[in-house]
Protein backbone atom coordinates (compact mmCIF):
# COMPACT_ATOMS: atom_id res chain seq x y z
CA UNK A 1 74.65 124.46 72.22
CA UNK A 2 70.87 124.28 72.45
CA UNK A 3 70.34 121.99 75.43
CA UNK A 4 66.97 120.22 75.65
CA UNK A 5 68.16 117.24 77.72
CA UNK A 6 66.37 118.50 80.84
CA UNK A 7 65.18 121.64 82.59
CA UNK A 8 67.92 120.98 85.17
CA UNK A 9 70.42 122.59 82.77
CA UNK A 10 69.00 126.09 83.26
CA UNK A 11 71.55 128.79 84.00
CA UNK A 12 71.02 131.31 86.82
CA UNK A 13 69.87 134.71 85.63
CA UNK A 14 71.90 137.85 86.15
CA UNK A 15 69.41 138.83 88.85
CA UNK A 16 69.99 135.51 90.62
CA UNK A 17 73.76 135.95 90.47
CA UNK A 18 73.43 139.45 91.92
CA UNK A 19 71.10 138.25 94.67
CA UNK A 20 73.50 135.43 95.53
CA UNK A 21 76.39 137.86 95.67
CA UNK A 22 74.52 140.19 98.02
CA UNK A 23 72.76 137.56 100.15
CA UNK A 24 72.67 138.06 103.89
CA UNK A 25 73.91 134.81 105.42
CA UNK A 26 74.36 132.96 108.68
CA UNK A 27 74.84 129.36 109.77
CA UNK A 28 71.80 127.41 108.65
CA UNK A 29 72.59 124.38 110.83
CA UNK A 30 72.00 126.78 113.75
CA UNK A 31 68.87 128.01 111.92
CA UNK A 32 70.44 131.45 111.75
CA UNK A 33 70.74 132.06 108.02
CA UNK A 34 68.16 134.82 107.39
CA UNK A 35 67.92 134.20 103.65
CA UNK A 36 67.30 130.47 104.08
CA UNK A 37 64.69 131.27 106.73
CA UNK A 38 63.03 133.72 104.39
CA UNK A 39 62.90 131.17 101.56
CA UNK A 40 61.48 128.50 103.86
CA UNK A 41 58.81 130.83 105.25
CA UNK A 42 57.91 132.03 101.76
CA UNK A 43 57.51 128.48 100.44
CA UNK A 44 55.47 127.38 103.45
CA UNK A 45 53.09 130.30 102.95
CA UNK A 46 52.84 129.83 99.17
CA UNK A 47 52.15 126.09 99.44
CA UNK A 48 49.88 126.28 102.47
CA UNK A 49 51.93 124.10 104.82
CA UNK A 50 53.12 124.94 108.32
CA UNK A 51 56.85 124.69 107.72
CA UNK A 52 59.53 124.10 105.08
CA UNK A 53 63.11 122.87 104.96
CA UNK A 54 65.69 123.85 102.32
CA UNK A 55 67.85 121.03 100.95
CA UNK A 56 70.54 120.62 98.29
CA UNK A 57 68.51 118.35 95.99
CA UNK A 58 65.12 116.86 95.23
CA UNK A 59 66.52 113.36 95.68
CA UNK A 60 67.52 114.21 99.24
CA UNK A 61 64.20 115.95 99.87
CA UNK A 62 62.23 112.85 98.86
CA UNK A 63 64.59 110.56 100.78
CA UNK A 64 64.30 112.63 103.95
CA UNK A 65 60.51 112.59 103.64
CA UNK A 66 60.50 108.79 103.45
CA UNK A 67 63.00 108.41 106.30
CA UNK A 68 60.91 110.73 108.46
CA UNK A 69 57.54 109.16 107.71
CA UNK A 70 58.57 105.48 107.70
CA UNK A 71 60.36 103.03 109.97
CA UNK A 72 62.64 100.16 108.92
CA UNK A 73 60.49 97.35 107.56
CA UNK A 74 57.75 99.73 106.43
CA UNK A 75 56.58 99.90 102.84
CA UNK A 76 55.70 102.75 100.51
CA UNK A 77 53.55 102.44 97.40
CA UNK A 78 54.96 104.21 94.36
CA UNK A 79 54.67 104.28 90.57
CA UNK A 80 56.73 101.69 88.71
CA UNK A 81 58.42 104.47 86.71
CA UNK A 82 58.40 107.08 89.48
CA UNK A 83 61.45 109.18 90.22
CA UNK A 84 61.50 108.26 93.91
CA UNK A 85 61.62 104.58 92.98
CA UNK A 86 63.58 104.36 89.73
CA UNK A 87 65.88 107.36 89.59
CA UNK A 88 67.03 108.04 93.15
CA UNK A 89 69.49 105.21 93.65
CA UNK A 90 67.21 103.04 95.78
CA UNK A 91 67.94 105.32 98.70
CA UNK A 92 64.83 104.50 100.72
CA UNK A 93 65.70 100.79 100.68
CA UNK A 94 69.47 101.20 100.98
CA UNK A 95 69.48 103.78 103.77
CA UNK A 96 66.07 103.42 105.42
CA UNK A 97 65.17 99.76 105.08
CA UNK A 98 61.91 100.92 103.46
CA UNK A 99 60.41 98.53 100.93
CA UNK A 100 58.95 99.92 97.70
CA UNK A 101 55.75 98.40 96.36
CA UNK A 102 55.29 99.50 92.76
CA UNK A 103 52.10 100.04 90.78
CA UNK A 104 52.09 100.76 87.01
CA UNK A 105 51.08 104.27 86.00
CA UNK A 106 47.92 104.71 83.95
CA UNK A 107 48.17 106.32 80.51
CA UNK A 108 47.44 109.73 82.05
CA UNK A 109 50.15 109.43 84.70
CA UNK A 110 47.82 108.63 87.57
CA UNK A 111 48.29 105.72 89.95
CA UNK A 112 44.91 103.95 89.71
CA UNK A 113 43.55 103.90 93.24
CA UNK A 114 41.92 100.50 92.82
CA UNK A 115 45.34 99.10 91.87
CA UNK A 116 46.87 100.82 94.88
CA UNK A 117 44.18 99.32 97.13
CA UNK A 118 45.06 95.85 95.84
CA UNK A 119 48.64 96.09 97.16
CA UNK A 120 47.97 97.67 100.56
CA UNK A 121 49.10 95.00 103.00
CA UNK A 122 46.94 93.52 105.72
CA UNK A 123 48.01 93.80 109.34
CA UNK A 124 49.89 90.52 109.34
CA UNK A 125 53.37 89.64 110.61
CA UNK A 126 54.22 88.17 107.20
CA UNK A 127 53.96 91.55 105.49
CA UNK A 128 55.73 94.87 105.56
CA UNK A 129 53.72 97.70 107.09
CA UNK A 130 52.19 99.74 104.27
CA UNK A 131 52.77 103.28 105.51
CA UNK A 132 52.92 105.76 102.66
CA UNK A 133 51.63 106.47 99.16
CA UNK A 134 53.93 108.58 96.96
CA UNK A 135 52.58 110.43 93.93
CA UNK A 136 54.19 112.66 91.29
CA UNK A 137 53.02 115.89 89.72
CA UNK A 138 53.92 116.30 86.95
CA UNK A 139 54.58 112.69 85.90
CA UNK A 140 56.84 112.74 82.83
CA UNK A 141 55.25 116.11 82.04
CA UNK A 142 51.68 114.86 82.48
CA UNK A 143 49.53 116.91 84.84
CA UNK A 144 47.65 115.28 87.71
CA UNK A 145 44.36 117.10 88.28
CA UNK A 146 43.09 118.58 91.53
CA UNK A 147 40.17 116.16 91.71
CA UNK A 148 42.47 113.12 91.45
CA UNK A 149 44.79 114.42 94.15
CA UNK A 150 41.85 115.09 96.49
CA UNK A 151 40.54 111.57 95.86
CA UNK A 152 44.01 110.24 96.58
CA UNK A 153 43.99 112.02 99.95
CA UNK A 154 40.57 110.59 100.78
CA UNK A 155 41.89 107.15 99.81
CA UNK A 156 44.98 107.63 101.97
CA UNK A 157 42.87 108.66 104.97
CA UNK A 158 40.59 105.64 104.53
CA UNK A 159 43.60 103.29 104.43
CA UNK A 160 45.56 105.07 107.18
CA UNK A 161 48.34 106.04 104.77
CA UNK A 162 50.58 109.08 104.63
CA UNK A 163 50.38 110.90 101.28
CA UNK A 164 53.62 112.37 99.90
CA UNK A 165 54.06 114.35 96.70
CA UNK A 166 57.21 114.33 94.65
CA UNK A 167 56.40 117.76 93.27
CA UNK A 168 59.68 118.34 91.46
CA UNK A 169 57.71 120.03 88.66
CA UNK A 170 54.54 120.86 90.57
CA UNK A 171 54.94 124.49 89.55
CA UNK A 172 54.49 123.38 85.94
CA UNK A 173 51.37 121.51 87.02
CA UNK A 174 49.97 124.57 88.79
CA UNK A 175 50.51 126.73 85.70
CA UNK A 176 48.91 124.14 83.43
CA UNK A 177 45.92 123.87 85.78
CA UNK A 178 45.71 127.67 86.08
CA UNK A 179 45.76 127.35 89.84
CA UNK A 180 48.03 128.09 92.80
CA UNK A 181 50.87 126.06 94.24
CA UNK A 182 48.81 125.84 97.41
CA UNK A 183 45.95 124.11 95.58
CA UNK A 184 48.32 121.46 94.22
CA UNK A 185 50.05 120.94 97.58
CA UNK A 186 46.99 121.06 99.83
CA UNK A 187 45.95 117.35 99.79
CA UNK A 188 49.39 116.06 100.83
CA UNK A 189 50.94 115.45 104.22
CA UNK A 190 54.34 116.34 102.76
CA UNK A 191 55.57 117.87 99.51
CA UNK A 192 58.94 118.11 97.80
CA UNK A 193 59.33 121.12 95.49
CA UNK A 194 62.43 121.40 93.27
CA UNK A 195 63.78 124.89 92.64
CA UNK A 196 66.47 123.88 90.14
CA UNK A 197 64.38 122.52 87.28
CA UNK A 198 61.91 124.73 85.42
CA UNK A 199 62.00 127.37 88.14
CA UNK A 200 65.63 127.94 87.23
CA UNK A 201 67.62 128.10 90.48
CA UNK A 202 71.13 126.62 90.29
CA UNK A 203 70.68 124.42 93.38
CA UNK A 204 68.02 123.37 95.81
CA UNK A 205 64.75 121.78 96.79
CA UNK A 206 62.27 122.45 99.58
CA UNK A 207 60.45 119.88 101.72
CA UNK A 208 57.16 120.97 103.27
CA UNK A 209 54.83 119.59 105.93
CA UNK A 210 53.59 120.37 109.42
CA UNK A 211 55.96 121.67 112.09
CA UNK A 212 56.41 118.34 113.87
CA UNK A 213 57.28 116.61 110.59
CA UNK A 214 59.81 119.28 109.59
CA UNK A 215 61.47 119.12 113.02
CA UNK A 216 62.03 115.39 112.53
CA UNK A 217 63.08 115.92 108.91
CA UNK A 218 65.72 118.38 110.12
CA UNK A 219 67.54 115.54 111.88
CA UNK A 220 67.37 113.29 108.80
CA UNK A 221 68.67 116.12 106.64
CA UNK A 222 71.70 116.27 108.91
CA UNK A 223 72.14 112.48 108.93
CA UNK A 224 72.07 112.35 105.12
CA UNK A 225 74.66 115.11 104.82
CA UNK A 226 72.41 118.02 103.95
CA UNK A 227 73.26 120.37 106.80
CA UNK A 228 74.66 123.36 104.93
CA UNK A 229 76.19 126.42 106.55
CA UNK A 230 76.01 129.82 104.79
CA UNK A 231 73.38 128.43 102.45
CA UNK A 232 71.69 131.79 102.01
CA UNK A 233 73.89 132.26 98.96
CA UNK A 234 71.88 129.45 97.35
CA UNK A 235 68.55 130.34 98.93
CA UNK A 236 68.74 133.84 97.45
CA UNK A 237 68.48 132.34 93.97
CA UNK A 238 65.68 130.09 95.20
CA UNK A 239 63.64 133.10 96.30
CA UNK A 240 63.76 134.51 92.77
CA UNK A 241 63.02 131.06 91.32
CA UNK A 242 59.81 130.67 93.30
CA UNK A 243 58.59 134.11 92.20
CA UNK A 244 60.02 135.17 88.85
CA UNK A 245 60.56 131.57 87.71
CA UNK A 246 56.97 130.60 88.39
CA UNK A 247 55.55 133.57 86.51
CA UNK A 248 57.23 132.61 83.22
CA UNK A 249 56.64 128.83 83.07
CA UNK A 250 53.79 129.28 80.59
CA UNK A 251 56.44 130.26 78.02
CA UNK A 252 58.06 126.81 78.30
CA UNK A 253 54.68 125.15 77.88
CA UNK A 254 53.98 127.19 74.75
CA UNK A 255 57.39 126.31 73.32
CA UNK A 256 56.78 122.60 74.00
CA UNK A 257 53.44 122.76 72.21
CA UNK A 258 55.01 124.55 69.25
CA UNK A 259 57.79 121.97 69.02
CA UNK A 260 55.31 119.09 69.18
CA UNK A 261 53.34 120.63 66.32
CA UNK A 262 56.47 121.09 64.20
CA UNK A 263 57.36 117.41 64.64
CA UNK A 264 53.84 116.03 64.29
CA UNK A 265 54.11 115.05 60.61
CA UNK A 266 57.79 114.09 60.40
CA UNK A 267 58.17 110.59 58.90
CA UNK A 268 59.83 108.03 61.16
CA UNK A 269 58.98 109.68 64.48
CA UNK A 270 55.77 110.00 66.47
CA UNK A 271 55.00 112.64 69.05
CA UNK A 272 53.48 110.74 71.96
CA UNK A 273 49.82 111.66 71.96
CA UNK A 274 48.48 113.50 74.97
CA UNK A 275 51.83 113.84 76.73
CA UNK A 276 52.73 117.43 75.76
CA UNK A 277 50.91 119.01 78.66
CA UNK A 278 53.68 121.12 80.18
CA UNK A 279 57.33 121.55 79.14
CA UNK A 280 58.13 118.07 77.75
CA UNK A 281 57.76 116.55 74.29
CA UNK A 282 58.02 112.75 74.18
CA UNK A 283 58.98 110.98 70.97
CA UNK A 284 58.61 107.36 69.86
CA UNK A 285 60.36 105.82 66.85
CA UNK A 286 61.01 102.41 65.36
CA UNK A 287 64.53 101.04 65.37
CA UNK A 288 67.39 101.84 67.70
CA UNK A 289 68.22 105.56 67.54
CA UNK A 290 69.54 105.82 71.09
CA UNK A 291 73.12 106.53 70.00
CA UNK A 292 72.86 107.89 66.47
CA UNK A 293 70.13 110.47 67.14
CA UNK A 294 71.83 112.39 70.00
CA UNK A 295 75.18 112.13 68.16
CA UNK A 296 73.69 113.66 65.00
CA UNK A 297 71.88 116.33 67.00
CA UNK A 298 75.06 117.26 68.86
CA UNK A 299 76.89 117.77 65.55
CA UNK A 300 74.15 120.24 64.67
CA UNK A 301 74.42 122.08 67.99
CA UNK A 302 71.60 120.38 69.90
CA UNK A 303 72.01 118.34 73.09
CA UNK A 304 69.15 115.89 73.73
CA UNK A 305 68.31 112.70 75.61
CA UNK A 306 67.29 109.61 73.64
CA UNK A 307 66.76 105.95 74.38
CA UNK A 308 66.62 103.10 71.89
CA UNK A 309 63.00 103.62 70.90
CA UNK A 310 61.98 106.85 72.58
CA UNK A 311 63.29 110.21 73.69
CA UNK A 312 62.23 113.42 75.31
CA UNK A 313 62.78 117.11 74.64
CA UNK A 314 62.54 119.42 77.64
CA UNK A 315 61.87 123.14 77.27
CA UNK A 316 63.11 125.67 79.79
CA UNK A 317 64.00 129.30 80.35
CA UNK A 318 67.13 129.18 78.18
CA UNK A 319 65.26 127.93 75.09
CA UNK A 320 63.87 130.60 72.75
CA UNK A 321 61.32 130.38 69.95
CA UNK A 322 64.20 130.45 67.48
CA UNK A 323 65.81 127.53 69.33
CA UNK A 324 62.54 125.58 69.06
CA UNK A 325 62.62 125.98 65.28
CA UNK A 326 66.25 124.85 65.16
CA UNK A 327 65.57 121.73 67.25
CA UNK A 328 62.63 120.83 65.02
CA UNK A 329 64.73 121.32 61.88
CA UNK A 330 67.56 119.13 63.22
CA UNK A 331 65.23 116.26 64.17
CA UNK A 332 63.33 116.54 60.90
CA UNK A 333 66.59 116.33 58.98
CA UNK A 334 67.73 113.29 60.98
CA UNK A 335 64.56 111.26 60.56
CA UNK A 336 64.19 112.10 56.88
CA UNK A 337 67.73 110.90 56.28
CA UNK A 338 66.96 107.77 58.31
CA UNK A 339 63.95 107.07 56.10
CA UNK A 340 65.97 107.39 52.88
């Protein structure tokens, strides 16, 4: 099957499997797993933060960041369609008593700072304490530029807010911006980087910040069940993901652009303009194709995600140029039959 549902479906490379098999391990709860320590130190250096903490998932990494930065009754400002708000089970509210205050994303994926300013609460006993602003990069594949992120940090400082980045796909953003991971991470007090999406590791995410923050986050990782033992077996794959995986992300971006071009003139479907900036192609269509489209595609050997009126195709390391042509042919066939 050609699987374009997400870049989370990537399979570990043979080199990753070999590294995992040979990994030197210890007990990471005692901070004595040398491979985990190496991964954490490598990520901290690459992203320009003092310290890093390896976790099982990006959801837990974001949750731990919020639990560490915020107290019960605090509030964080977040995009109305952001992963930390919409797709992580309401963990901040359920487990931390942290209230989300949403702001709609702009067409380019930014959170407009004037709209953010309008919802920052005054120091009044009637209101939650606005503590943190959470951004995403990329946001549904859309890249947030360095200038915007620096302005967001200036805004956060002016309003006494902590600035957190859900950087699940920040490596894709760095490649698209032709810059370093450090440049993308630099404006933020804390950053969550996922290793198991486009970078291709089978498991894992890394939370970064200063040393005091990571020491507090270590406790919350334990409280939320993320204290792993001989986790170096997983970290070994993460080390290859952050190096070899990063160096090849431009291939996924090229494949996404090629797929978008192949679908551009297909009747019945529209490639969402301006959204194919990294490894995602977003589609809009009239009528309800949420069930029939993925069912048809699956019969033709393609797994994809689709809603009633829109869907996305995600390119990753296991998708070749030939696969791109096949996906385009399957979708073209479906929509032409739908038009008949």
